[in-house]
Amino acid sequence: MANTQGPQGNYDPAGSTQMFRAFVDEAAAPQGRQQEAASSGPRIGLIVGVVVAVAIVAAVAWLALK
């Protein structure tokens, strides 16, 4: 228990730890926005796919009954 300083207590002469933390924090923020946009994309694609499938089934049924 002589020297138990954590990462905050260590001196980093190059500042690489601070730069790395800034990079990670900066990279994490846009990723959350991309995640939200990506999660809505497949949902819209699924809805469009279902609508197209229903339209095809309706067209085939209409042609069969005509």
PDB file of N, CA and C in Angstrom:
ATOM      1  N   MET A   1       0.819  -1.189   0.000  1.00  0.00           N
ATOM      2  CA  MET A   1       0.000   0.000   0.000  1.00  0.00           C
ATOM      3  C   MET A   1       0.862   1.252   0.000  1.00  0.00           C
ATOM      4  N   ALA A   2       2.066   1.151  -0.533  1.00  0.00           N
ATOM      5  CA  ALA A   2       2.964   2.297  -0.524  1.00  0.00           C
ATOM      6  C   ALA A   2       2.537   3.336  -1.549  1.00  0.00           C
ATOM      7  N   ASN A   3       2.296   2.907  -2.788  1.00  0.00           N
ATOM      8  CA  ASN A   3       1.946   3.841  -3.848  1.00  0.00           C
ATOM      9  C   ASN A   3       0.764   3.269  -4.626  1.00  0.00           C
ATOM     10  N   THR A   4      -0.451   3.671  -4.262  1.00  0.00           N
ATOM     11  CA  THR A   4      -1.653   3.109  -4.895  1.00  0.00           C
ATOM     12  C   THR A   4      -2.436   4.178  -5.636  1.00  0.00           C
ATOM     13  N   GLN A   5      -1.731   4.958  -6.436  1.00  0.00           N
ATOM     14  CA  GLN A   5      -2.425   5.974  -7.220  1.00  0.00           C
ATOM     15  C   GLN A   5      -3.132   5.319  -8.396  1.00  0.00           C
ATOM     16  N   GLY A   6      -4.312   5.799  -8.698  1.00  0.00           N
ATOM     17  CA  GLY A   6      -5.055   5.298  -9.838  1.00  0.00           C
ATOM     18  C   GLY A   6      -4.594   5.972 -11.113  1.00  0.00           C
ATOM     19  N   PRO A   7      -5.273   5.704 -12.231  1.00  0.00           N
ATOM     20  CA  PRO A   7      -4.886   6.314 -13.511  1.00  0.00           C
ATOM     21  C   PRO A   7      -4.971   7.836 -13.494  1.00  0.00           C
ATOM     22  N   GLN A   8      -5.835   8.408 -12.653  1.00  0.00           N
ATOM     23  CA  GLN A   8      -5.959   9.865 -12.602  1.00  0.00           C
ATOM     24  C   GLN A   8      -4.728  10.506 -11.977  1.00  0.00           C
ATOM     25  N   GLY A   9      -4.031   9.764 -11.094  1.00  0.00           N
ATOM     26  CA  GLY A   9      -2.889  10.329 -10.396  1.00  0.00           C
ATOM     27  C   GLY A   9      -1.593  10.239 -11.167  1.00  0.00           C
ATOM     28  N   ASN A  10      -1.527   9.436 -12.202  1.00  0.00           N
ATOM     29  CA  ASN A  10      -0.288   9.269 -12.967  1.00  0.00           C
ATOM     30  C   ASN A  10      -0.089  10.430 -13.932  1.00  0.00           C
ATOM     31  N   TYR A  11       1.160  10.860 -14.068  1.00  0.00           N
ATOM     32  CA  TYR A  11       1.492  11.946 -14.983  1.00  0.00           C
ATOM     33  C   TYR A  11       1.780  11.377 -16.362  1.00  0.00           C
ATOM     34  N   ASP A  12       1.158  11.915 -17.372  1.00  0.00           N
ATOM     35  CA  ASP A  12       1.340  11.458 -18.753  1.00  0.00           C
ATOM     36  C   ASP A  12       1.963  12.608 -19.535  1.00  0.00           C
ATOM     37  N   PRO A  13       3.289  12.618 -19.726  1.00  0.00           N
ATOM     38  CA  PRO A  13       3.942  13.766 -20.355  1.00  0.00           C
ATOM     39  C   PRO A  13       3.507  14.003 -21.798  1.00  0.00           C
ATOM     40  N   ALA A  14       3.135  12.956 -22.513  1.00  0.00           N
ATOM     41  CA  ALA A  14       2.725  13.138 -23.912  1.00  0.00           C
ATOM     42  C   ALA A  14       1.248  13.490 -24.028  1.00  0.00           C
ATOM     43  N   GLY A  15       0.507  13.274 -22.988  1.00  0.00           N
ATOM     44  CA  GLY A  15      -0.927  13.553 -23.030  1.00  0.00           C
ATOM     45  C   GLY A  15      -1.697  12.527 -23.835  1.00  0.00           C
ATOM     46  N   SER A  16      -1.117  11.353 -24.072  1.00  0.00           N
ATOM     47  CA  SER A  16      -1.781  10.373 -24.927  1.00  0.00           C
ATOM     48  C   SER A  16      -3.035   9.808 -24.276  1.00  0.00           C
ATOM     49  N   THR A  17      -3.036   9.706 -22.959  1.00  0.00           N
ATOM     50  CA  THR A  17      -4.231   9.193 -22.286  1.00  0.00           C
ATOM     51  C   THR A  17      -5.396  10.158 -22.478  1.00  0.00           C
ATOM     52  N   GLN A  18      -5.134  11.442 -22.317  1.00  0.00           N
ATOM     53  CA  GLN A  18      -6.188  12.440 -22.499  1.00  0.00           C
ATOM     54  C   GLN A  18      -6.668  12.459 -23.945  1.00  0.00           C
ATOM     55  N   MET A  19      -5.734  12.344 -24.893  1.00  0.00           N
ATOM     56  CA  MET A  19      -6.133  12.336 -26.305  1.00  0.00           C
ATOM     57  C   MET A  19      -6.965  11.088 -26.622  1.00  0.00           C
ATOM     58  N   PHE A  20      -6.568   9.950 -26.045  1.00  0.00           N
ATOM     59  CA  PHE A  20      -7.314   8.723 -26.277  1.00  0.00           C
ATOM     60  C   PHE A  20      -8.723   8.830 -25.709  1.00  0.00           C
ATOM     61  N   ARG A  21      -8.836   9.363 -24.504  1.00  0.00           N
ATOM     62  CA  ARG A  21     -10.164   9.516 -23.898  1.00  0.00           C
ATOM     63  C   ARG A  21     -11.029  10.473 -24.715  1.00  0.00           C
ATOM     64  N   ALA A  22     -10.440  11.549 -25.212  1.00  0.00           N
ATOM     65  CA  ALA A  22     -11.194  12.491 -26.045  1.00  0.00           C
ATOM     66  C   ALA A  22     -11.647  11.809 -27.328  1.00  0.00           C
ATOM     67  N   PHE A  23     -10.772  10.984 -27.913  1.00  0.00           N
ATOM     68  CA  PHE A  23     -11.118  10.250 -29.137  1.00  0.00           C
ATOM     69  C   PHE A  23     -12.255   9.269 -28.883  1.00  0.00           C
ATOM     70  N   VAL A  24     -12.178   8.541 -27.784  1.00  0.00           N
ATOM     71  CA  VAL A  24     -13.218   7.557 -27.460  1.00  0.00           C
ATOM     72  C   VAL A  24     -14.543   8.259 -27.182  1.00  0.00           C
ATOM     73  N   ASP A  25     -14.500   9.350 -26.417  1.00  0.00           N
ATOM     74  CA  ASP A  25     -15.733  10.087 -26.124  1.00  0.00           C
ATOM     75  C   ASP A  25     -16.342  10.668 -27.390  1.00  0.00           C
ATOM     76  N   GLU A  26     -15.499  11.187 -28.289  1.00  0.00           N
ATOM     77  CA  GLU A  26     -15.981  11.771 -29.537  1.00  0.00           C
ATOM     78  C   GLU A  26     -16.552  10.696 -30.452  1.00  0.00           C
ATOM     79  N   ALA A  27     -15.919   9.533 -30.491  1.00  0.00           N
ATOM     80  CA  ALA A  27     -16.376   8.450 -31.357  1.00  0.00           C
ATOM     81  C   ALA A  27     -17.649   7.809 -30.817  1.00  0.00           C
ATOM     82  N   ALA A  28     -17.859   7.842 -29.509  1.00  0.00           N
ATOM     83  CA  ALA A  28     -19.029   7.188 -28.922  1.00  0.00           C
ATOM     84  C   ALA A  28     -20.304   7.980 -29.175  1.00  0.00           C
ATOM     85  N   ALA A  29     -20.224   9.296 -29.236  1.00  0.00           N
ATOM     86  CA  ALA A  29     -21.422  10.113 -29.407  1.00  0.00           C
ATOM     87  C   ALA A  29     -22.092   9.901 -30.763  1.00  0.00           C
ATOM     88  N   PRO A  30     -21.387   9.992 -31.897  1.00  0.00           N
ATOM     89  CA  PRO A  30     -22.059   9.762 -33.180  1.00  0.00           C
ATOM     90  C   PRO A  30     -22.536   8.330 -33.356  1.00  0.00           C
ATOM     91  N   GLN A  31     -21.885   7.388 -32.685  1.00  0.00           N
ATOM     92  CA  GLN A  31     -22.285   5.992 -32.824  1.00  0.00           C
ATOM     93  C   GLN A  31     -23.706   5.792 -32.307  1.00  0.00           C
ATOM     94  N   GLY A  32     -24.075   6.479 -31.234  1.00  0.00           N
ATOM     95  CA  GLY A  32     -25.426   6.370 -30.717  1.00  0.00           C
ATOM     96  C   GLY A  32     -26.444   6.877 -31.716  1.00  0.00           C
ATOM     97  N   ARG A  33     -26.123   7.970 -32.411  1.00  0.00           N
ATOM     98  CA  ARG A  33     -27.039   8.504 -33.419  1.00  0.00           C
ATOM     99  C   ARG A  33     -27.145   7.553 -34.601  1.00  0.00           C
ATOM    100  N   GLN A  34     -26.040   6.956 -34.996  1.00  0.00           N
ATOM    101  CA  GLN A  34     -26.074   6.002 -36.106  1.00  0.00           C
ATOM    102  C   GLN A  34     -26.871   4.773 -35.721  1.00  0.00           C
ATOM    103  N   GLN A  35     -26.777   4.368 -34.469  1.00  0.00           N
ATOM    104  CA  GLN A  35     -27.532   3.202 -34.005  1.00  0.00           C
ATOM    105  C   GLN A  35     -29.030   3.473 -34.107  1.00  0.00           C
ATOM    106  N   GLU A  36     -29.468   4.658 -33.715  1.00  0.00           N
ATOM    107  CA  GLU A  36     -30.888   4.993 -33.808  1.00  0.00           C
ATOM    108  C   GLU A  36     -31.352   5.014 -35.259  1.00  0.00           C
ATOM    109  N   ALA A  37     -30.548   5.583 -36.138  1.00  0.00           N
ATOM    110  CA  ALA A  37     -30.911   5.644 -37.553  1.00  0.00           C
ATOM    111  C   ALA A  37     -30.935   4.251 -38.163  1.00  0.00           C
ATOM    112  N   ALA A  38     -30.007   3.400 -37.774  1.00  0.00           N
ATOM    113  CA  ALA A  38     -29.950   2.052 -38.327  1.00  0.00           C
ATOM    114  C   ALA A  38     -31.121   1.211 -37.835  1.00  0.00           C
ATOM    115  N   SER A  39     -31.583   1.450 -36.606  1.00  0.00           N
ATOM    116  CA  SER A  39     -32.682   0.641 -36.088  1.00  0.00           C
ATOM    117  C   SER A  39     -34.003   1.007 -36.763  1.00  0.00           C
ATOM    118  N   SER A  40     -34.161   2.244 -37.226  1.00  0.00           N
ATOM    119  CA  SER A  40     -35.394   2.614 -37.911  1.00  0.00           C
ATOM    120  C   SER A  40     -35.372   2.177 -39.374  1.00  0.00           C
ATOM    121  N   GLY A  41     -34.197   2.000 -39.948  1.00  0.00           N
ATOM    122  CA  GLY A  41     -34.066   1.590 -41.350  1.00  0.00           C
ATOM    123  C   GLY A  41     -34.685   0.237 -41.637  1.00  0.00           C
ATOM    124  N   PRO A  42     -34.312  -0.823 -40.923  1.00  0.00           N
ATOM    125  CA  PRO A  42     -34.900  -2.138 -41.179  1.00  0.00           C
ATOM    126  C   PRO A  42     -36.403  -2.165 -40.928  1.00  0.00           C
ATOM    127  N   ARG A  43     -36.878  -1.365 -39.980  1.00  0.00           N
ATOM    128  CA  ARG A  43     -38.308  -1.322 -39.700  1.00  0.00           C
ATOM    129  C   ARG A  43     -39.069  -0.791 -40.907  1.00  0.00           C
ATOM    130  N   ILE A  44     -38.552   0.262 -41.515  1.00  0.00           N
ATOM    131  CA  ILE A  44     -39.192   0.839 -42.698  1.00  0.00           C
ATOM    132  C   ILE A  44     -39.131  -0.152 -43.853  1.00  0.00           C
ATOM    133  N   GLY A  45     -37.988  -0.806 -44.015  1.00  0.00           N
ATOM    134  CA  GLY A  45     -37.852  -1.817 -45.060  1.00  0.00           C
ATOM    135  C   GLY A  45     -38.811  -2.969 -44.876  1.00  0.00           C
ATOM    136  N   LEU A  46     -39.021  -3.369 -43.641  1.00  0.00           N
ATOM    137  CA  LEU A  46     -39.961  -4.457 -43.356  1.00  0.00           C
ATOM    138  C   LEU A  46     -41.390  -4.046 -43.701  1.00  0.00           C
ATOM    139  N   ILE A  47     -41.763  -2.838 -43.345  1.00  0.00           N
ATOM    140  CA  ILE A  47     -43.112  -2.354 -43.646  1.00  0.00           C
ATOM    141  C   ILE A  47     -43.324  -2.279 -45.160  1.00  0.00           C
ATOM    142  N   VAL A  48     -42.343  -1.743 -45.874  1.00  0.00           N
ATOM    143  CA  VAL A  48     -42.451  -1.650 -47.334  1.00  0.00           C
ATOM    144  C   VAL A  48     -42.536  -3.043 -47.947  1.00  0.00           C
ATOM    145  N   GLY A  49     -41.750  -3.980 -47.433  1.00  0.00           N
ATOM    146  CA  GLY A  49     -41.788  -5.353 -47.929  1.00  0.00           C
ATOM    147  C   GLY A  49     -43.137  -6.012 -47.720  1.00  0.00           C
ATOM    148  N   VAL A  50     -43.743  -5.793 -46.576  1.00  0.00           N
ATOM    149  CA  VAL A  50     -45.060  -6.370 -46.289  1.00  0.00           C
ATOM    150  C   VAL A  50     -46.109  -5.756 -47.207  1.00  0.00           C
ATOM    151  N   VAL A  51     -46.039  -4.441 -47.421  1.00  0.00           N
ATOM    152  CA  VAL A  51     -47.008  -3.781 -48.300  1.00  0.00           C
ATOM    153  C   VAL A  51     -46.870  -4.311 -49.730  1.00  0.00           C
ATOM    154  N   VAL A  52     -45.635  -4.479 -50.200  1.00  0.00           N
ATOM    155  CA  VAL A  52     -45.409  -5.005 -51.549  1.00  0.00           C
ATOM    156  C   VAL A  52     -45.924  -6.443 -51.648  1.00  0.00           C
ATOM    157  N   ALA A  53     -45.680  -7.259 -50.618  1.00  0.00           N
ATOM    158  CA  ALA A  53     -46.148  -8.644 -50.637  1.00  0.00           C
ATOM    159  C   ALA A  53     -47.676  -8.712 -50.671  1.00  0.00           C
ATOM    160  N   VAL A  54     -48.327  -7.864 -49.897  1.00  0.00           N
ATOM    161  CA  VAL A  54     -49.802  -7.845 -49.897  1.00  0.00           C
ATOM    162  C   VAL A  54     -50.310  -7.394 -51.263  1.00  0.00           C
ATOM    163  N   ALA A  55     -49.647  -6.416 -51.877  1.00  0.00           N
ATOM    164  CA  ALA A  55     -50.064  -5.949 -53.198  1.00  0.00           C
ATOM    165  C   ALA A  55     -49.900  -7.057 -54.239  1.00  0.00           C
ATOM    166  N   ILE A  56     -48.839  -7.824 -54.159  1.00  0.00           N
ATOM    167  CA  ILE A  56     -48.634  -8.928 -55.110  1.00  0.00           C
ATOM    168  C   ILE A  56     -49.690 -10.004 -54.916  1.00  0.00           C
ATOM    169  N   VAL A  57     -49.960 -10.362 -53.669  1.00  0.00           N
ATOM    170  CA  VAL A  57     -50.987 -11.378 -53.403  1.00  0.00           C
ATOM    171  C   VAL A  57     -52.349 -10.884 -53.890  1.00  0.00           C
ATOM    172  N   ALA A  58     -52.658  -9.605 -53.675  1.00  0.00           N
ATOM    173  CA  ALA A  58     -53.933  -9.056 -54.125  1.00  0.00           C
ATOM    174  C   ALA A  58     -54.013  -9.067 -55.654  1.00  0.00           C
ATOM    175  N   ALA A  59     -52.904  -8.736 -56.325  1.00  0.00           N
ATOM    176  CA  ALA A  59     -52.904  -8.743 -57.791  1.00  0.00           C
ATOM    177  C   ALA A  59     -53.088 -10.159 -58.336  1.00  0.00           C
ATOM    178  N   VAL A  60     -52.424 -11.133 -57.726  1.00  0.00           N
ATOM    179  CA  VAL A  60     -52.573 -12.523 -58.164  1.00  0.00           C
ATOM    180  C   VAL A  60     -54.000 -13.005 -57.921  1.00  0.00           C
ATOM    181  N   ALA A  61     -54.578 -12.660 -56.798  1.00  0.00           N
ATOM    182  CA  ALA A  61     -55.956 -13.065 -56.496  1.00  0.00           C
ATOM    183  C   ALA A  61     -56.932 -12.391 -57.487  1.00  0.00           C
ATOM    184  N   TRP A  62     -56.689 -11.130 -57.798  1.00  0.00           N
ATOM    185  CA  TRP A  62     -57.567 -10.424 -58.741  1.00  0.00           C
ATOM    186  C   TRP A  62     -57.489 -11.049 -60.121  1.00  0.00           C
ATOM    187  N   LEU A  63     -56.258 -11.402 -60.568  1.00  0.00           N
ATOM    188  CA  LEU A  63     -56.103 -12.033 -61.863  1.00  0.00           C
ATOM    189  C   LEU A  63     -56.733 -13.444 -61.885  1.00  0.00           C
ATOM    190  N   ALA A  64     -56.674 -14.145 -60.778  1.00  0.00           N
ATOM    191  CA  ALA A  64     -57.237 -15.498 -60.719  1.00  0.00           C
ATOM    192  C   ALA A  64     -58.759 -15.453 -60.747  1.00  0.00           C
ATOM    193  N   LEU A  65     -59.349 -14.427 -60.150  1.00  0.00           N
ATOM    194  CA  LEU A  65     -60.810 -14.336 -60.091  1.00  0.00           C
ATOM    195  C   LEU A  65     -61.394 -13.626 -61.300  1.00  0.00           C
ATOM    196  N   LYS A  66     -60.599 -13.051 -62.142  1.00  0.00           N
ATOM    197  CA  LYS A  66     -61.073 -12.286 -63.287  1.00  0.00           C
ATOM    198  C   LYS A  66     -61.557 -13.169 -64.399  1.00  0.00           C
TER     199      LYS A  66
END
